[in-house]
N, C-alpha and C. Protein backbone atom coordinates (compact mmCIF):
# COMPACT_ATOMS: atom_id res chain seq x y z
N MET A 1 0.84 -1.17 0.00
CA MET A 1 0.00 0.00 0.00
C MET A 1 0.89 1.25 0.00
N PHE A 2 0.58 2.20 -0.84
CA PHE A 2 1.35 3.43 -0.92
C PHE A 2 0.48 4.61 -0.50
N LYS A 3 1.05 5.45 0.37
CA LYS A 3 0.33 6.63 0.85
C LYS A 3 1.15 7.87 0.51
N LEU A 4 0.53 8.80 -0.18
CA LEU A 4 1.18 10.06 -0.52
C LEU A 4 1.10 10.98 0.69
N LEU A 5 2.27 11.44 1.17
CA LEU A 5 2.32 12.28 2.37
C LEU A 5 2.41 13.76 2.04
N LYS A 6 3.19 14.10 1.04
CA LYS A 6 3.40 15.51 0.72
C LYS A 6 3.77 15.66 -0.74
N LYS A 7 3.31 16.75 -1.33
CA LYS A 7 3.59 17.02 -2.74
C LYS A 7 4.02 18.48 -2.87
N ASP A 8 5.08 18.71 -3.64
CA ASP A 8 5.53 20.08 -3.87
C ASP A 8 4.63 20.74 -4.91
N CYS A 9 4.19 21.95 -4.62
CA CYS A 9 3.23 22.61 -5.52
C CYS A 9 3.90 23.17 -6.78
N ASN A 10 5.22 23.30 -6.77
CA ASN A 10 5.92 23.86 -7.93
C ASN A 10 6.60 22.83 -8.81
N THR A 11 6.81 21.64 -8.28
CA THR A 11 7.48 20.58 -9.04
C THR A 11 6.68 19.29 -8.88
N ARG A 12 7.19 18.20 -9.43
CA ARG A 12 6.52 16.91 -9.28
C ARG A 12 7.09 16.11 -8.10
N ALA A 13 7.94 16.76 -7.29
CA ALA A 13 8.54 16.09 -6.13
C ALA A 13 7.46 15.70 -5.13
N ARG A 14 7.64 14.55 -4.49
CA ARG A 14 6.66 14.10 -3.51
C ARG A 14 7.32 13.21 -2.47
N LEU A 15 6.71 13.14 -1.31
CA LEU A 15 7.11 12.24 -0.24
C LEU A 15 5.99 11.23 -0.03
N GLY A 16 6.36 9.99 0.22
CA GLY A 16 5.33 8.98 0.42
C GLY A 16 5.75 7.94 1.44
N LEU A 17 4.83 7.04 1.70
CA LEU A 17 5.08 5.93 2.62
C LEU A 17 4.60 4.65 1.96
N LEU A 18 5.52 3.71 1.78
CA LEU A 18 5.21 2.43 1.17
C LEU A 18 5.13 1.38 2.26
N LYS A 19 3.93 0.85 2.47
CA LYS A 19 3.71 -0.13 3.54
C LYS A 19 3.89 -1.53 2.98
N THR A 20 4.82 -2.30 3.55
CA THR A 20 5.01 -3.69 3.15
C THR A 20 4.78 -4.58 4.36
N ARG A 21 4.82 -5.88 4.15
CA ARG A 21 4.61 -6.81 5.27
C ARG A 21 5.62 -6.63 6.38
N HIS A 22 6.84 -6.25 6.02
CA HIS A 22 7.91 -6.21 7.01
C HIS A 22 8.28 -4.83 7.51
N PHE A 23 7.99 -3.79 6.72
CA PHE A 23 8.45 -2.47 7.14
C PHE A 23 7.75 -1.38 6.35
N GLU A 24 7.64 -0.21 6.95
CA GLU A 24 7.11 0.96 6.26
C GLU A 24 8.28 1.77 5.71
N VAL A 25 8.32 1.90 4.40
CA VAL A 25 9.46 2.53 3.73
C VAL A 25 9.09 3.94 3.29
N LYS A 26 9.87 4.91 3.73
CA LYS A 26 9.65 6.28 3.30
C LYS A 26 10.22 6.45 1.88
N THR A 27 9.47 7.14 1.03
CA THR A 27 9.96 7.38 -0.33
C THR A 27 10.10 8.87 -0.57
N PRO A 28 11.09 9.28 -1.40
CA PRO A 28 12.02 8.41 -2.12
C PRO A 28 13.00 7.74 -1.16
N ASN A 29 13.62 6.66 -1.63
CA ASN A 29 14.50 5.89 -0.77
C ASN A 29 15.65 5.29 -1.58
N PHE A 30 16.78 5.11 -0.92
CA PHE A 30 17.94 4.48 -1.54
C PHE A 30 17.99 3.03 -1.11
N MET A 31 18.11 2.11 -2.07
CA MET A 31 18.16 0.68 -1.77
C MET A 31 19.55 0.12 -1.99
N PRO A 32 20.26 -0.25 -0.93
CA PRO A 32 21.53 -0.95 -1.13
C PRO A 32 21.30 -2.28 -1.84
N VAL A 33 22.29 -2.72 -2.60
CA VAL A 33 22.16 -3.94 -3.40
C VAL A 33 22.72 -5.13 -2.64
N ALA A 34 21.87 -6.15 -2.48
CA ALA A 34 22.27 -7.41 -1.86
C ALA A 34 22.01 -8.52 -2.88
N THR A 35 22.70 -8.44 -4.01
CA THR A 35 22.43 -9.31 -5.15
C THR A 35 22.23 -10.76 -4.76
N GLN A 36 23.15 -11.32 -3.99
CA GLN A 36 23.08 -12.74 -3.62
C GLN A 36 22.68 -12.93 -2.16
N GLY A 37 21.93 -11.96 -1.62
CA GLY A 37 21.44 -12.09 -0.25
C GLY A 37 22.35 -11.48 0.79
N SER A 38 23.28 -10.62 0.36
CA SER A 38 24.18 -9.98 1.30
C SER A 38 24.69 -8.67 0.71
N VAL A 39 24.61 -7.59 1.49
CA VAL A 39 25.21 -6.33 1.08
C VAL A 39 26.69 -6.45 1.42
N LYS A 40 27.53 -6.41 0.43
CA LYS A 40 28.96 -6.69 0.65
C LYS A 40 29.58 -5.71 1.64
N MET A 41 30.31 -6.28 2.59
CA MET A 41 31.11 -5.54 3.57
C MET A 41 30.30 -4.86 4.67
N ILE A 42 28.97 -5.00 4.66
CA ILE A 42 28.15 -4.33 5.68
C ILE A 42 27.16 -5.34 6.26
N SER A 43 27.11 -5.44 7.58
CA SER A 43 26.20 -6.38 8.24
C SER A 43 24.78 -5.80 8.30
N PRO A 44 23.77 -6.67 8.49
CA PRO A 44 22.40 -6.17 8.65
C PRO A 44 22.27 -5.15 9.78
N GLU A 45 22.96 -5.38 10.88
CA GLU A 45 22.89 -4.44 12.01
C GLU A 45 23.45 -3.07 11.63
N GLU A 46 24.55 -3.07 10.89
CA GLU A 46 25.14 -1.80 10.44
C GLU A 46 24.21 -1.08 9.48
N LEU A 47 23.53 -1.84 8.62
CA LEU A 47 22.58 -1.25 7.68
C LEU A 47 21.45 -0.55 8.43
N LYS A 48 20.96 -1.21 9.49
CA LYS A 48 19.87 -0.61 10.28
C LYS A 48 20.35 0.66 10.97
N LYS A 49 21.58 0.62 11.50
CA LYS A 49 22.12 1.78 12.21
C LYS A 49 22.22 3.01 11.31
N ILE A 50 22.50 2.81 10.03
CA ILE A 50 22.61 3.97 9.13
C ILE A 50 21.27 4.31 8.48
N GLY A 51 20.20 3.62 8.92
CA GLY A 51 18.85 4.00 8.50
C GLY A 51 18.32 3.34 7.25
N VAL A 52 18.93 2.25 6.79
CA VAL A 52 18.43 1.56 5.59
C VAL A 52 17.08 0.92 5.89
N GLU A 53 16.11 1.14 5.03
CA GLU A 53 14.76 0.62 5.23
C GLU A 53 14.39 -0.50 4.27
N ILE A 54 15.06 -0.54 3.12
CA ILE A 54 14.74 -1.53 2.09
C ILE A 54 16.02 -1.86 1.31
N ILE A 55 16.16 -3.13 0.94
CA ILE A 55 17.30 -3.54 0.12
C ILE A 55 16.78 -4.30 -1.10
N VAL A 56 17.63 -4.45 -2.10
CA VAL A 56 17.24 -5.15 -3.32
C VAL A 56 18.11 -6.39 -3.50
N CYS A 57 17.45 -7.52 -3.79
CA CYS A 57 18.12 -8.80 -4.08
C CYS A 57 17.78 -9.20 -5.52
N ASN A 58 18.44 -10.25 -6.01
CA ASN A 58 18.27 -10.61 -7.42
C ASN A 58 17.78 -12.05 -7.60
N THR A 59 16.68 -12.19 -8.30
CA THR A 59 16.04 -13.49 -8.53
C THR A 59 16.97 -14.48 -9.23
N TYR A 60 17.57 -14.05 -10.34
CA TYR A 60 18.43 -14.95 -11.11
C TYR A 60 19.57 -15.50 -10.26
N HIS A 61 20.25 -14.62 -9.55
CA HIS A 61 21.42 -15.04 -8.77
C HIS A 61 21.02 -15.92 -7.58
N LEU A 62 19.91 -15.61 -6.93
CA LEU A 62 19.47 -16.43 -5.79
C LEU A 62 18.97 -17.80 -6.25
N MET A 63 18.38 -17.86 -7.46
CA MET A 63 18.00 -19.16 -8.03
C MET A 63 19.24 -20.04 -8.20
N GLN A 64 20.33 -19.41 -8.60
CA GLN A 64 21.58 -20.12 -8.86
C GLN A 64 22.26 -20.57 -7.57
N ARG A 65 22.40 -19.61 -6.66
CA ARG A 65 23.12 -19.84 -5.43
C ARG A 65 22.52 -19.01 -4.33
N PRO A 66 22.04 -19.54 -3.24
CA PRO A 66 22.10 -20.95 -2.82
C PRO A 66 20.94 -21.80 -3.34
N GLY A 67 20.01 -21.18 -4.08
CA GLY A 67 18.85 -21.89 -4.62
C GLY A 67 17.57 -21.52 -3.91
N THR A 68 16.51 -21.39 -4.69
CA THR A 68 15.21 -20.97 -4.14
C THR A 68 14.68 -21.96 -3.10
N ALA A 69 14.81 -23.25 -3.38
CA ALA A 69 14.27 -24.28 -2.48
C ALA A 69 14.91 -24.18 -1.10
N LEU A 70 16.21 -23.97 -1.05
CA LEU A 70 16.90 -23.88 0.24
C LEU A 70 16.46 -22.65 1.01
N ILE A 71 16.36 -21.51 0.33
CA ILE A 71 15.93 -20.27 1.00
C ILE A 71 14.51 -20.43 1.54
N LYS A 72 13.63 -21.03 0.74
CA LYS A 72 12.25 -21.25 1.19
C LYS A 72 12.23 -22.18 2.41
N LYS A 73 13.03 -23.22 2.38
CA LYS A 73 13.10 -24.19 3.48
C LYS A 73 13.58 -23.52 4.77
N LEU A 74 14.47 -22.55 4.63
CA LEU A 74 15.02 -21.85 5.79
C LEU A 74 14.10 -20.73 6.30
N GLY A 75 12.94 -20.57 5.65
CA GLY A 75 11.96 -19.59 6.14
C GLY A 75 11.85 -18.33 5.33
N GLY A 76 12.48 -18.30 4.16
CA GLY A 76 12.37 -17.13 3.28
C GLY A 76 13.60 -16.25 3.34
N ILE A 77 13.64 -15.30 2.43
CA ILE A 77 14.81 -14.46 2.25
C ILE A 77 15.11 -13.59 3.47
N HIS A 78 14.07 -13.15 4.19
CA HIS A 78 14.31 -12.31 5.37
C HIS A 78 15.07 -13.08 6.46
N LYS A 79 14.64 -14.29 6.73
CA LYS A 79 15.34 -15.10 7.74
C LYS A 79 16.72 -15.50 7.25
N PHE A 80 16.81 -15.85 5.97
CA PHE A 80 18.08 -16.25 5.39
C PHE A 80 19.13 -15.14 5.55
N MET A 81 18.67 -13.89 5.40
CA MET A 81 19.58 -12.74 5.46
C MET A 81 19.67 -12.12 6.84
N SER A 82 18.79 -12.56 7.75
CA SER A 82 18.67 -11.92 9.06
C SER A 82 18.36 -10.42 8.90
N TRP A 83 17.34 -10.17 8.07
CA TRP A 83 16.93 -8.80 7.75
C TRP A 83 15.43 -8.69 7.92
N GLU A 84 14.98 -7.90 8.91
CA GLU A 84 13.54 -7.82 9.22
C GLU A 84 12.82 -6.72 8.45
N ARG A 85 13.57 -5.89 7.75
CA ARG A 85 12.93 -4.78 7.03
C ARG A 85 12.57 -5.20 5.60
N ALA A 86 12.16 -4.26 4.78
CA ALA A 86 11.62 -4.58 3.45
C ALA A 86 12.70 -5.08 2.48
N ILE A 87 12.27 -5.97 1.58
CA ILE A 87 13.13 -6.47 0.51
C ILE A 87 12.38 -6.42 -0.82
N LEU A 88 13.02 -5.84 -1.82
CA LEU A 88 12.53 -5.88 -3.20
C LEU A 88 13.43 -6.85 -3.95
N THR A 89 12.83 -7.72 -4.73
CA THR A 89 13.63 -8.62 -5.57
C THR A 89 13.49 -8.23 -7.03
N ASP A 90 14.63 -8.07 -7.69
CA ASP A 90 14.64 -7.83 -9.13
C ASP A 90 14.32 -9.15 -9.82
N SER A 91 13.71 -9.07 -10.97
CA SER A 91 13.17 -10.26 -11.64
C SER A 91 14.20 -11.15 -12.29
N GLY A 92 15.40 -10.63 -12.55
CA GLY A 92 16.38 -11.35 -13.35
C GLY A 92 16.49 -10.79 -14.75
N GLY A 93 15.67 -9.80 -15.06
CA GLY A 93 15.69 -9.20 -16.39
C GLY A 93 17.01 -8.52 -16.72
N PHE A 94 17.65 -7.92 -15.71
CA PHE A 94 18.92 -7.24 -15.98
C PHE A 94 19.98 -8.22 -16.49
N GLN A 95 19.89 -9.48 -16.07
CA GLN A 95 20.87 -10.47 -16.51
C GLN A 95 20.74 -10.77 -18.01
N ALA A 96 19.59 -10.46 -18.59
CA ALA A 96 19.44 -10.59 -20.04
C ALA A 96 20.39 -9.61 -20.75
N TYR A 97 20.74 -8.54 -20.04
CA TYR A 97 21.67 -7.55 -20.57
C TYR A 97 23.10 -7.86 -20.15
N SER A 98 23.31 -8.07 -18.83
CA SER A 98 24.67 -8.25 -18.32
C SER A 98 25.28 -9.59 -18.72
N LEU A 99 24.44 -10.60 -18.97
CA LEU A 99 24.93 -11.91 -19.37
C LEU A 99 24.47 -12.24 -20.80
N SER A 100 24.46 -11.22 -21.66
CA SER A 100 23.88 -11.39 -22.99
C SER A 100 24.56 -12.48 -23.81
N GLU A 101 25.84 -12.74 -23.54
CA GLU A 101 26.53 -13.79 -24.29
C GLU A 101 26.11 -15.20 -23.85
N LEU A 102 25.39 -15.28 -22.73
CA LEU A 102 24.97 -16.58 -22.20
C LEU A 102 23.46 -16.79 -22.31
N ARG A 103 22.77 -15.93 -23.02
CA ARG A 103 21.31 -16.04 -23.06
C ARG A 103 20.74 -15.90 -24.45
N SER A 104 19.53 -16.41 -24.59
CA SER A 104 18.73 -16.16 -25.79
C SER A 104 17.36 -15.70 -25.31
N VAL A 105 16.65 -15.00 -26.16
CA VAL A 105 15.35 -14.46 -25.76
C VAL A 105 14.34 -14.67 -26.87
N ASP A 106 13.10 -14.95 -26.46
CA ASP A 106 11.97 -14.95 -27.39
C ASP A 106 10.76 -14.48 -26.60
N ASP A 107 9.59 -14.48 -27.21
CA ASP A 107 8.42 -13.95 -26.53
C ASP A 107 8.03 -14.75 -25.30
N ASP A 108 8.48 -16.01 -25.22
CA ASP A 108 8.16 -16.84 -24.06
C ASP A 108 8.96 -16.45 -22.83
N GLY A 109 10.20 -16.01 -23.00
CA GLY A 109 11.04 -15.66 -21.86
C GLY A 109 12.51 -15.69 -22.20
N LEU A 110 13.33 -15.93 -21.19
CA LEU A 110 14.79 -15.93 -21.33
C LEU A 110 15.33 -17.33 -21.10
N ARG A 111 16.32 -17.68 -21.88
CA ARG A 111 17.03 -18.96 -21.68
C ARG A 111 18.50 -18.65 -21.46
N PHE A 112 19.01 -19.10 -20.31
CA PHE A 112 20.40 -18.85 -19.95
C PHE A 112 21.19 -20.15 -19.90
N LEU A 113 22.49 -20.04 -20.15
CA LEU A 113 23.44 -21.04 -19.72
C LEU A 113 24.05 -20.47 -18.44
N SER A 114 23.91 -21.20 -17.34
CA SER A 114 24.38 -20.70 -16.05
C SER A 114 25.83 -20.23 -16.13
N HIS A 115 26.08 -19.05 -15.55
CA HIS A 115 27.45 -18.53 -15.50
C HIS A 115 28.29 -19.29 -14.47
N ILE A 116 27.63 -20.16 -13.69
CA ILE A 116 28.33 -20.94 -12.65
C ILE A 116 28.75 -22.31 -13.15
N ASP A 117 27.76 -23.06 -13.70
CA ASP A 117 28.08 -24.44 -14.10
C ASP A 117 27.63 -24.81 -15.52
N GLY A 118 27.11 -23.82 -16.25
CA GLY A 118 26.71 -24.09 -17.63
C GLY A 118 25.36 -24.77 -17.79
N SER A 119 24.64 -25.02 -16.68
CA SER A 119 23.33 -25.67 -16.77
C SER A 119 22.33 -24.72 -17.44
N ARG A 120 21.25 -25.30 -17.97
CA ARG A 120 20.25 -24.51 -18.69
C ARG A 120 19.19 -23.97 -17.73
N ILE A 121 18.88 -22.71 -17.88
CA ILE A 121 17.87 -22.05 -17.05
C ILE A 121 16.85 -21.40 -17.97
N HIS A 122 15.58 -21.70 -17.74
CA HIS A 122 14.50 -21.09 -18.53
C HIS A 122 13.72 -20.18 -17.59
N LEU A 123 13.82 -18.89 -17.80
CA LEU A 123 13.15 -17.92 -16.94
C LEU A 123 12.04 -17.25 -17.72
N THR A 124 10.80 -17.58 -17.36
CA THR A 124 9.62 -16.97 -17.97
C THR A 124 9.07 -15.91 -17.01
N PRO A 125 8.16 -15.06 -17.46
CA PRO A 125 7.53 -14.10 -16.55
C PRO A 125 6.86 -14.80 -15.38
N GLU A 126 6.21 -15.93 -15.66
CA GLU A 126 5.52 -16.68 -14.60
C GLU A 126 6.52 -17.24 -13.59
N LYS A 127 7.60 -17.82 -14.10
CA LYS A 127 8.62 -18.41 -13.24
C LYS A 127 9.27 -17.35 -12.36
N ALA A 128 9.54 -16.18 -12.92
CA ALA A 128 10.17 -15.09 -12.16
C ALA A 128 9.31 -14.70 -10.97
N ILE A 129 7.99 -14.60 -11.16
CA ILE A 129 7.10 -14.24 -10.06
C ILE A 129 7.01 -15.37 -9.05
N GLU A 130 6.91 -16.61 -9.52
CA GLU A 130 6.83 -17.76 -8.61
C GLU A 130 8.07 -17.86 -7.73
N VAL A 131 9.24 -17.64 -8.32
CA VAL A 131 10.49 -17.68 -7.55
C VAL A 131 10.48 -16.58 -6.48
N GLN A 132 10.05 -15.39 -6.86
CA GLN A 132 10.03 -14.27 -5.90
C GLN A 132 9.03 -14.52 -4.78
N GLN A 133 7.93 -15.19 -5.10
CA GLN A 133 6.98 -15.56 -4.06
C GLN A 133 7.60 -16.57 -3.10
N ASP A 134 8.31 -17.55 -3.65
CA ASP A 134 8.98 -18.55 -2.81
C ASP A 134 10.05 -17.92 -1.94
N LEU A 135 10.73 -16.91 -2.46
CA LEU A 135 11.73 -16.21 -1.66
C LEU A 135 11.09 -15.42 -0.53
N GLY A 136 9.84 -15.00 -0.73
CA GLY A 136 9.14 -14.23 0.30
C GLY A 136 9.41 -12.73 0.21
N ALA A 137 9.66 -12.24 -0.99
CA ALA A 137 9.94 -10.81 -1.18
C ALA A 137 8.72 -9.96 -0.84
N ASP A 138 8.98 -8.76 -0.34
CA ASP A 138 7.88 -7.81 -0.09
C ASP A 138 7.40 -7.20 -1.40
N ILE A 139 8.33 -6.92 -2.29
CA ILE A 139 7.99 -6.33 -3.59
C ILE A 139 8.64 -7.17 -4.67
N ALA A 140 7.84 -7.68 -5.59
CA ALA A 140 8.33 -8.53 -6.68
C ALA A 140 8.25 -7.76 -7.99
N MET A 141 9.30 -7.81 -8.76
CA MET A 141 9.33 -7.12 -10.04
C MET A 141 8.96 -8.08 -11.18
N CYS A 142 8.29 -7.56 -12.18
CA CYS A 142 7.98 -8.39 -13.34
C CYS A 142 9.24 -8.56 -14.20
N LEU A 143 9.30 -9.65 -14.93
CA LEU A 143 10.42 -9.88 -15.84
C LEU A 143 10.38 -8.83 -16.94
N ASP A 144 11.51 -8.18 -17.16
CA ASP A 144 11.57 -7.14 -18.19
C ASP A 144 12.72 -7.43 -19.15
N PHE A 145 12.70 -6.72 -20.26
CA PHE A 145 13.76 -6.88 -21.24
C PHE A 145 14.11 -5.51 -21.79
N PHE A 146 15.39 -5.21 -21.83
CA PHE A 146 15.78 -3.91 -22.36
C PHE A 146 17.04 -4.04 -23.20
N THR A 147 17.28 -3.02 -23.97
CA THR A 147 18.40 -3.05 -24.91
C THR A 147 19.52 -2.14 -24.42
N ALA A 148 20.68 -2.31 -25.03
CA ALA A 148 21.81 -1.43 -24.72
C ALA A 148 21.55 -0.05 -25.32
N TYR A 149 22.28 0.95 -24.84
CA TYR A 149 22.19 2.29 -25.40
C TYR A 149 23.47 2.59 -26.16
N PRO A 150 23.40 3.12 -27.37
CA PRO A 150 22.17 3.41 -28.14
C PRO A 150 21.64 2.15 -28.81
N SER A 151 20.40 2.21 -29.23
CA SER A 151 19.82 1.08 -29.95
C SER A 151 18.94 1.60 -31.07
N GLU A 152 18.68 0.75 -32.02
CA GLU A 152 17.78 1.11 -33.12
C GLU A 152 16.35 1.21 -32.59
N PHE A 153 15.55 2.05 -33.24
CA PHE A 153 14.16 2.25 -32.82
C PHE A 153 13.41 0.92 -32.74
N ILE A 154 13.58 0.07 -33.75
CA ILE A 154 12.83 -1.18 -33.80
C ILE A 154 13.23 -2.11 -32.65
N GLU A 155 14.52 -2.09 -32.27
CA GLU A 155 14.98 -2.91 -31.15
C GLU A 155 14.34 -2.43 -29.85
N ALA A 156 14.31 -1.11 -29.66
CA ALA A 156 13.71 -0.54 -28.45
C ALA A 156 12.22 -0.84 -28.41
N ARG A 157 11.55 -0.73 -29.55
CA ARG A 157 10.12 -0.99 -29.59
C ARG A 157 9.80 -2.44 -29.25
N ILE A 158 10.57 -3.38 -29.80
CA ILE A 158 10.37 -4.80 -29.50
C ILE A 158 10.57 -5.06 -28.02
N ALA A 159 11.61 -4.44 -27.43
CA ALA A 159 11.89 -4.63 -26.00
C ALA A 159 10.74 -4.11 -25.14
N VAL A 160 10.23 -2.94 -25.48
CA VAL A 160 9.12 -2.36 -24.70
C VAL A 160 7.86 -3.21 -24.83
N GLU A 161 7.53 -3.61 -26.06
CA GLU A 161 6.31 -4.41 -26.27
C GLU A 161 6.43 -5.78 -25.58
N ARG A 162 7.63 -6.35 -25.62
CA ARG A 162 7.86 -7.64 -24.95
C ARG A 162 7.68 -7.48 -23.44
N THR A 163 8.23 -6.40 -22.88
CA THR A 163 8.12 -6.16 -21.44
C THR A 163 6.67 -5.94 -21.02
N ILE A 164 5.91 -5.22 -21.84
CA ILE A 164 4.49 -4.99 -21.53
C ILE A 164 3.74 -6.32 -21.52
N ASN A 165 4.03 -7.16 -22.49
CA ASN A 165 3.41 -8.49 -22.56
C ASN A 165 3.78 -9.32 -21.34
N TRP A 166 5.05 -9.30 -20.97
CA TRP A 166 5.51 -10.08 -19.81
C TRP A 166 4.91 -9.54 -18.51
N ALA A 167 4.71 -8.22 -18.45
CA ALA A 167 4.10 -7.62 -17.26
C ALA A 167 2.68 -8.14 -17.08
N GLY A 168 1.93 -8.23 -18.18
CA GLY A 168 0.57 -8.78 -18.11
C GLY A 168 0.56 -10.22 -17.64
N ARG A 169 1.50 -11.01 -18.13
CA ARG A 169 1.59 -12.42 -17.71
C ARG A 169 1.98 -12.52 -16.24
N SER A 170 2.86 -11.62 -15.79
CA SER A 170 3.26 -11.59 -14.38
C SER A 170 2.06 -11.28 -13.49
N LEU A 171 1.29 -10.29 -13.90
CA LEU A 171 0.11 -9.89 -13.13
C LEU A 171 -0.91 -11.02 -13.06
N ASN A 172 -1.03 -11.78 -14.15
CA ASN A 172 -1.96 -12.92 -14.16
C ASN A 172 -1.60 -13.97 -13.12
N VAL A 173 -0.31 -14.15 -12.86
CA VAL A 173 0.12 -15.10 -11.82
C VAL A 173 -0.46 -14.68 -10.48
N LYS A 174 -0.39 -13.37 -10.16
CA LYS A 174 -0.92 -12.86 -8.91
C LYS A 174 -2.44 -12.97 -8.88
N LYS A 175 -3.08 -12.62 -10.00
CA LYS A 175 -4.55 -12.69 -10.05
C LYS A 175 -5.03 -14.12 -9.84
N ASN A 176 -4.35 -15.08 -10.48
CA ASN A 176 -4.73 -16.49 -10.33
C ASN A 176 -4.54 -16.97 -8.90
N ALA A 177 -3.47 -16.51 -8.26
CA ALA A 177 -3.21 -16.90 -6.87
C ALA A 177 -4.32 -16.36 -5.97
N TYR A 178 -4.72 -15.09 -6.21
CA TYR A 178 -5.77 -14.50 -5.39
C TYR A 178 -7.12 -15.15 -5.64
N SER A 179 -7.39 -15.53 -6.87
CA SER A 179 -8.69 -16.12 -7.19
C SER A 179 -8.87 -17.49 -6.54
N GLN A 180 -7.76 -18.13 -6.17
CA GLN A 180 -7.84 -19.43 -5.52
C GLN A 180 -8.06 -19.32 -4.02
N LEU A 181 -7.95 -18.11 -3.50
CA LEU A 181 -8.18 -17.91 -2.07
C LEU A 181 -9.66 -17.64 -1.81
N SER A 182 -10.12 -18.02 -0.64
CA SER A 182 -11.49 -17.68 -0.27
C SER A 182 -11.53 -16.19 0.04
N ARG A 183 -12.74 -15.62 0.15
CA ARG A 183 -12.85 -14.19 0.43
C ARG A 183 -12.21 -13.84 1.77
N VAL A 184 -12.37 -14.72 2.75
CA VAL A 184 -11.79 -14.47 4.06
C VAL A 184 -10.27 -14.47 3.97
N GLN A 185 -9.72 -15.47 3.29
CA GLN A 185 -8.27 -15.56 3.14
C GLN A 185 -7.73 -14.35 2.38
N LEU A 186 -8.47 -13.94 1.36
CA LEU A 186 -8.04 -12.82 0.54
C LEU A 186 -8.01 -11.54 1.36
N SER A 187 -9.07 -11.30 2.17
CA SER A 187 -9.09 -10.08 2.98
C SER A 187 -7.98 -10.09 4.01
N ARG A 188 -7.68 -11.27 4.57
CA ARG A 188 -6.56 -11.36 5.52
C ARG A 188 -5.24 -11.07 4.83
N ASN A 189 -5.09 -11.58 3.62
CA ASN A 189 -3.87 -11.37 2.85
C ASN A 189 -3.66 -9.89 2.56
N LEU A 190 -4.75 -9.22 2.17
CA LEU A 190 -4.66 -7.80 1.84
C LEU A 190 -4.34 -6.98 3.08
N GLU A 191 -4.92 -7.38 4.24
CA GLU A 191 -4.63 -6.69 5.48
C GLU A 191 -3.16 -6.79 5.84
N LYS A 192 -2.55 -7.94 5.49
CA LYS A 192 -1.13 -8.16 5.80
C LYS A 192 -0.22 -7.58 4.72
N ASN A 193 -0.83 -6.93 3.73
CA ASN A 193 -0.05 -6.35 2.63
C ASN A 193 0.79 -7.40 1.91
N ALA A 194 0.09 -8.31 1.23
CA ALA A 194 0.75 -9.38 0.48
C ALA A 194 1.71 -8.78 -0.55
N PRO A 195 2.67 -9.58 -1.04
CA PRO A 195 3.67 -9.06 -1.97
C PRO A 195 3.05 -8.28 -3.13
N ILE A 196 3.72 -7.23 -3.51
CA ILE A 196 3.24 -6.34 -4.57
C ILE A 196 4.00 -6.65 -5.85
N VAL A 197 3.31 -6.61 -6.96
CA VAL A 197 4.02 -6.72 -8.25
C VAL A 197 4.11 -5.31 -8.81
N PHE A 198 5.30 -4.80 -8.97
CA PHE A 198 5.50 -3.51 -9.61
C PHE A 198 5.83 -3.75 -11.06
N LEU A 199 5.10 -3.14 -11.95
CA LEU A 199 5.31 -3.34 -13.38
C LEU A 199 6.24 -2.25 -13.90
N ASN A 200 7.39 -2.66 -14.45
CA ASN A 200 8.37 -1.69 -14.96
C ASN A 200 7.81 -0.90 -16.12
């Protein structure tokens, strides 16, 4: 749930409060990167002391190491990291760019050769959301695809249209999950601020 607290009358600047299951995050906010479940060189206690409210982890990398099943078994990403505040998980879409030599893409999703052991990974919009749900993220991102800069107009257009399509498929995963809940379960879920899907 997002609440607008203040808006500047001369610009588009605004202050807000983003309520998640684990923490209320003031916006705008800076998110330290904990790609593989750890902010390098800084402990969770130190992060809290300097006022960090939310961090970002990465779906692709956590799938690889230590693995979604293990994190879920240990109680989710918050317990795994010993972090009680908010966590946003990136979908793995950035790896389509950073690991472009190890991936192929089509309208169905992304196919990677693991940068760790060469195994095959098929990441679809649906799979990206399911993994983020298993991790227990407060905010889940839809799978996106983008091009390098500069790029040809047609390349950029294909990337945008593909991302919009994937965003719709990601949202359908959430809608289907909610439709399977009873009204009572659904209202309880909403009261607890169930994970949010932010569409890029």
